[in-house]
Each structure stands twice: as structure tokens, then as C-alpha cells.
Amino acid sequence: MGRIYSNYEETEIARVKEVAEELGFSASSFQKYCVMLYIGDRDNAVPIIDLQNEMVQNLKSLSSPSTFIVSALLPDKWSSLSRSEKMQLAKFLALYVKNHGNEYEVYSTVNGSVTQYKKK
């Protein structure tokens, strides 16, 4: 796997880290997500059930307490998913959190449209 390095001013780094944390990403995962989203690289061939299972595995590996959004659970794949796949996964996560209320909860809504969750 290749790497691309970026240089930022201190104020830019602080802003990237702040927004990444709000959304539940690491700074590097957030950067990759933004770039791949911008260039529209969508070549996903992974079955939804596999993505759901990966999301659950990533949920379980989160430290407590921590906040996250659906895209942060699949940082390397999210940008390659279609809108339909993203919606399916978002609905799956909402139901999973509802059914596992002793471990997770809805934390807030980011920008009026993205639900942020919390691992208790």
C-alpha cells in the first residue's frame, strides 16, 4: 500500500483533528475519507453482510467511552460505497445501537444530518 504525505499549517492541523474527532475518525482516516469522497472512487465489491460484520467488529474494538459515526467504522471502505450501501449500513447501525442500548447510545446529530453515537 502506498502513502501520500500532506503538509499543513498548524491551524489547519488543529482544524482537521478537531473535525475528525467530532466525526469519530483519526486525522489520517479522515483525510483519506475526504480525498476519496472528493475524487468519487467507488469500486466496492464487498457484500453488505461482510461490511456489517466488520462494523460490529470495529464497534467492539472501540474504547469506552468514545464517540463515532457510521463512516468511522469502515474508514478504508466508506468512500467507495454507493449512497444506497451507505444508507443500508447507517440503518443497520441505528438498529444495532437500539438493540444494544446497554453498550451504545445516540450521542448527537452532527450538522443536522449525521448521527453521532457513543460507546458507553
C-alpha atoms as a PDB file:
ATOM      1  CA  MET A   1       0.000   0.000   0.000  1.00  0.00           C
ATOM      2  CA  GLY A   2       1.367   3.413  -0.953  1.00  0.00           C
ATOM      3  CA  ARG A   3       1.416   6.596   1.071  1.00  0.00           C
ATOM      4  CA  ILE A   4       0.868  10.219   0.157  1.00  0.00           C
ATOM      5  CA  TYR A   5       2.078  12.841   2.576  1.00  0.00           C
ATOM      6  CA  SER A   6       0.499  16.252   3.084  1.00  0.00           C
ATOM      7  CA  ASN A   7       1.824  19.334   4.807  1.00  0.00           C
ATOM      8  CA  TYR A   8      -0.478  21.558   6.815  1.00  0.00           C
ATOM      9  CA  GLU A   9      -0.158  24.802   8.721  1.00  0.00           C
ATOM     10  CA  GLU A  10      -0.581  24.397  12.481  1.00  0.00           C
ATOM     11  CA  THR A  11      -4.048  25.958  12.380  1.00  0.00           C
ATOM     12  CA  GLU A  12      -5.069  23.588   9.570  1.00  0.00           C
ATOM     13  CA  ILE A  13      -3.822  20.562  11.504  1.00  0.00           C
ATOM     14  CA  ALA A  14      -5.777  21.652  14.553  1.00  0.00           C
ATOM     15  CA  ARG A  15      -8.962  22.081  12.497  1.00  0.00           C
ATOM     16  CA  VAL A  16      -8.563  18.707  10.721  1.00  0.00           C
ATOM     17  CA  LYS A  17      -8.017  16.942  14.043  1.00  0.00           C
ATOM     18  CA  GLU A  18     -10.976  18.737  15.617  1.00  0.00           C
ATOM     19  CA  VAL A  19     -13.413  17.780  12.838  1.00  0.00           C
ATOM     20  CA  ALA A  20     -12.018  14.246  12.605  1.00  0.00           C
ATOM     21  CA  GLU A  21     -12.538  13.738  16.331  1.00  0.00           C
ATOM     22  CA  GLU A  22     -16.079  15.126  16.152  1.00  0.00           C
ATOM     23  CA  LEU A  23     -16.877  12.531  13.495  1.00  0.00           C
ATOM     24  CA  GLY A  24     -15.047   9.656  15.189  1.00  0.00           C
ATOM     25  CA  PHE A  25     -12.122   9.417  12.740  1.00  0.00           C
ATOM     26  CA  SER A  26      -8.398   9.547  13.246  1.00  0.00           C
ATOM     27  CA  ALA A  27      -6.874  12.511  11.385  1.00  0.00           C
ATOM     28  CA  SER A  28      -5.314  10.249   8.741  1.00  0.00           C
ATOM     29  CA  SER A  29      -8.516   8.236   8.200  1.00  0.00           C
ATOM     30  CA  PHE A  30     -10.494  11.465   7.892  1.00  0.00           C
ATOM     31  CA  GLN A  31      -8.024  12.810   5.332  1.00  0.00           C
ATOM     32  CA  LYS A  32      -8.304   9.638   3.237  1.00  0.00           C
ATOM     33  CA  TYR A  33     -12.091   9.659   3.541  1.00  0.00           C
ATOM     34  CA  CYS A  34     -12.281  13.263   2.312  1.00  0.00           C
ATOM     35  CA  VAL A  35      -9.933  12.691  -0.624  1.00  0.00           C
ATOM     36  CA  MET A  36     -11.644   9.512  -1.785  1.00  0.00           C
ATOM     37  CA  LEU A  37     -15.049  11.120  -1.417  1.00  0.00           C
ATOM     38  CA  TYR A  38     -13.893  14.099  -3.463  1.00  0.00           C
ATOM     39  CA  ILE A  39     -12.499  12.030  -6.339  1.00  0.00           C
ATOM     40  CA  GLY A  40     -15.512   9.718  -6.320  1.00  0.00           C
ATOM     41  CA  ASP A  41     -13.560   6.473  -6.216  1.00  0.00           C
ATOM     42  CA  ARG A  42     -16.312   3.899  -5.793  1.00  0.00           C
ATOM     43  CA  ASP A  43     -15.370   0.346  -6.610  1.00  0.00           C
ATOM     44  CA  ASN A  44     -16.811  -1.647  -3.736  1.00  0.00           C
ATOM     45  CA  ALA A  45     -17.424  -5.333  -4.364  1.00  0.00           C
ATOM     46  CA  VAL A  46     -17.805  -6.469  -0.749  1.00  0.00           C
ATOM     47  CA  PRO A  47     -21.179  -7.972   0.263  1.00  0.00           C
ATOM     48  CA  ILE A  48     -23.208  -5.848   2.704  1.00  0.00           C
ATOM     49  CA  ILE A  49     -23.247  -8.633   5.308  1.00  0.00           C
ATOM     50  CA  ASP A  50     -19.431  -8.610   5.363  1.00  0.00           C
ATOM     51  CA  LEU A  51     -19.437  -4.838   5.838  1.00  0.00           C
ATOM     52  CA  GLN A  52     -21.971  -5.152   8.656  1.00  0.00           C
ATOM     53  CA  ASN A  53     -19.839  -7.783  10.365  1.00  0.00           C
ATOM     54  CA  GLU A  54     -16.758  -5.579  10.003  1.00  0.00           C
ATOM     55  CA  MET A  55     -18.663  -2.664  11.516  1.00  0.00           C
ATOM     56  CA  VAL A  56     -19.639  -4.757  14.537  1.00  0.00           C
ATOM     57  CA  GLN A  57     -16.035  -5.908  14.977  1.00  0.00           C
ATOM     58  CA  ASN A  58     -14.835  -2.301  14.827  1.00  0.00           C
ATOM     59  CA  LEU A  59     -17.531  -1.269  17.314  1.00  0.00           C
ATOM     60  CA  LYS A  60     -16.360  -3.877  19.766  1.00  0.00           C
ATOM     61  CA  SER A  61     -12.766  -2.701  19.467  1.00  0.00           C
ATOM     62  CA  LEU A  62     -13.617   0.920  20.369  1.00  0.00           C
ATOM     63  CA  SER A  63     -12.517   2.066  23.790  1.00  0.00           C
ATOM     64  CA  SER A  64     -15.124   3.193  26.309  1.00  0.00           C
ATOM     65  CA  PRO A  65     -16.289   5.892  26.342  1.00  0.00           C
ATOM     66  CA  SER A  66     -15.856   7.075  22.776  1.00  0.00           C
ATOM     67  CA  THR A  67     -17.983   8.674  20.103  1.00  0.00           C
ATOM     68  CA  PHE A  68     -18.244   7.617  16.472  1.00  0.00           C
ATOM     69  CA  ILE A  69     -20.291   7.891  13.298  1.00  0.00           C
ATOM     70  CA  VAL A  70     -21.118   5.150  10.830  1.00  0.00           C
ATOM     71  CA  SER A  71     -18.396   6.088   8.325  1.00  0.00           C
ATOM     72  CA  ALA A  72     -15.702   5.898  11.013  1.00  0.00           C
ATOM     73  CA  LEU A  73     -16.428   2.187  11.429  1.00  0.00           C
ATOM     74  CA  LEU A  74     -15.342   1.491   7.833  1.00  0.00           C
ATOM     75  CA  PRO A  75     -12.757   4.234   7.204  1.00  0.00           C
ATOM     76  CA  ASP A  76     -10.939   2.490   4.361  1.00  0.00           C
ATOM     77  CA  LYS A  77     -14.083   1.405   2.531  1.00  0.00           C
ATOM     78  CA  TRP A  78     -16.666   4.110   3.185  1.00  0.00           C
ATOM     79  CA  SER A  79     -15.736   6.377   0.301  1.00  0.00           C
ATOM     80  CA  SER A  80     -16.025   3.514  -2.195  1.00  0.00           C
ATOM     81  CA  LEU A  81     -19.605   2.689  -1.188  1.00  0.00           C
ATOM     82  CA  SER A  82     -22.666   3.817  -3.112  1.00  0.00           C
ATOM     83  CA  ARG A  83     -25.260   6.054  -1.481  1.00  0.00           C
ATOM     84  CA  SER A  84     -27.581   3.064  -1.207  1.00  0.00           C
ATOM     85  CA  GLU A  85     -24.955   0.959   0.560  1.00  0.00           C
ATOM     86  CA  LYS A  86     -24.175   3.818   2.945  1.00  0.00           C
ATOM     87  CA  MET A  87     -27.862   4.192   3.770  1.00  0.00           C
ATOM     88  CA  GLN A  88     -28.200   0.450   4.404  1.00  0.00           C
ATOM     89  CA  LEU A  89     -25.218   0.498   6.741  1.00  0.00           C
ATOM     90  CA  ALA A  90     -26.442   3.602   8.547  1.00  0.00           C
ATOM     91  CA  LYS A  91     -29.827   1.958   9.138  1.00  0.00           C
ATOM     92  CA  PHE A  92     -28.114  -1.240  10.267  1.00  0.00           C
ATOM     93  CA  LEU A  93     -26.028   0.718  12.791  1.00  0.00           C
ATOM     94  CA  ALA A  94     -29.066   2.604  14.109  1.00  0.00           C
ATOM     95  CA  LEU A  95     -30.878  -0.689  14.712  1.00  0.00           C
ATOM     96  CA  TYR A  96     -27.772  -2.299  16.219  1.00  0.00           C
ATOM     97  CA  VAL A  97     -27.360   0.603  18.674  1.00  0.00           C
ATOM     98  CA  LYS A  98     -31.067   0.462  19.553  1.00  0.00           C
ATOM     99  CA  ASN A  99     -30.847  -3.282  20.211  1.00  0.00           C
ATOM    100  CA  HIS A 100     -27.641  -2.912  22.249  1.00  0.00           C
ATOM    101  CA  GLY A 101     -28.658   0.088  24.350  1.00  0.00           C
ATOM    102  CA  ASN A 102     -26.709  -1.187  27.336  1.00  0.00           C
ATOM    103  CA  GLU A 103     -23.455  -0.719  25.355  1.00  0.00           C
ATOM    104  CA  TYR A 104     -24.199   2.127  22.895  1.00  0.00           C
ATOM    105  CA  GLU A 105     -26.392   5.212  22.624  1.00  0.00           C
ATOM    106  CA  VAL A 106     -27.241   8.047  20.260  1.00  0.00           C
ATOM    107  CA  TYR A 107     -24.996  10.924  21.308  1.00  0.00           C
ATOM    108  CA  SER A 108     -25.879  13.808  18.968  1.00  0.00           C
ATOM    109  CA  THR A 109     -26.606  14.859  15.430  1.00  0.00           C
ATOM    110  CA  VAL A 110     -23.684  16.463  13.574  1.00  0.00           C
ATOM    111  CA  ASN A 111     -24.545  19.203  11.058  1.00  0.00           C
ATOM    112  CA  GLY A 112     -28.219  18.250  11.326  1.00  0.00           C
ATOM    113  CA  SER A 113     -27.843  15.050   9.322  1.00  0.00           C
ATOM    114  CA  VAL A 114     -25.143  12.718  10.662  1.00  0.00           C
ATOM    115  CA  THR A 115     -25.934  10.795  13.828  1.00  0.00           C
ATOM    116  CA  GLN A 116     -23.088  10.525  16.289  1.00  0.00           C
ATOM    117  CA  TYR A 117     -23.127   7.524  18.621  1.00  0.00           C
ATOM    118  CA  LYS A 118     -21.379   6.809  21.883  1.00  0.00           C
ATOM    119  CA  LYS A 119     -19.934   3.622  23.283  1.00  0.00           C
ATOM    120  CA  LYS A 120     -20.699   3.685  26.994  1.00  0.00           C
END
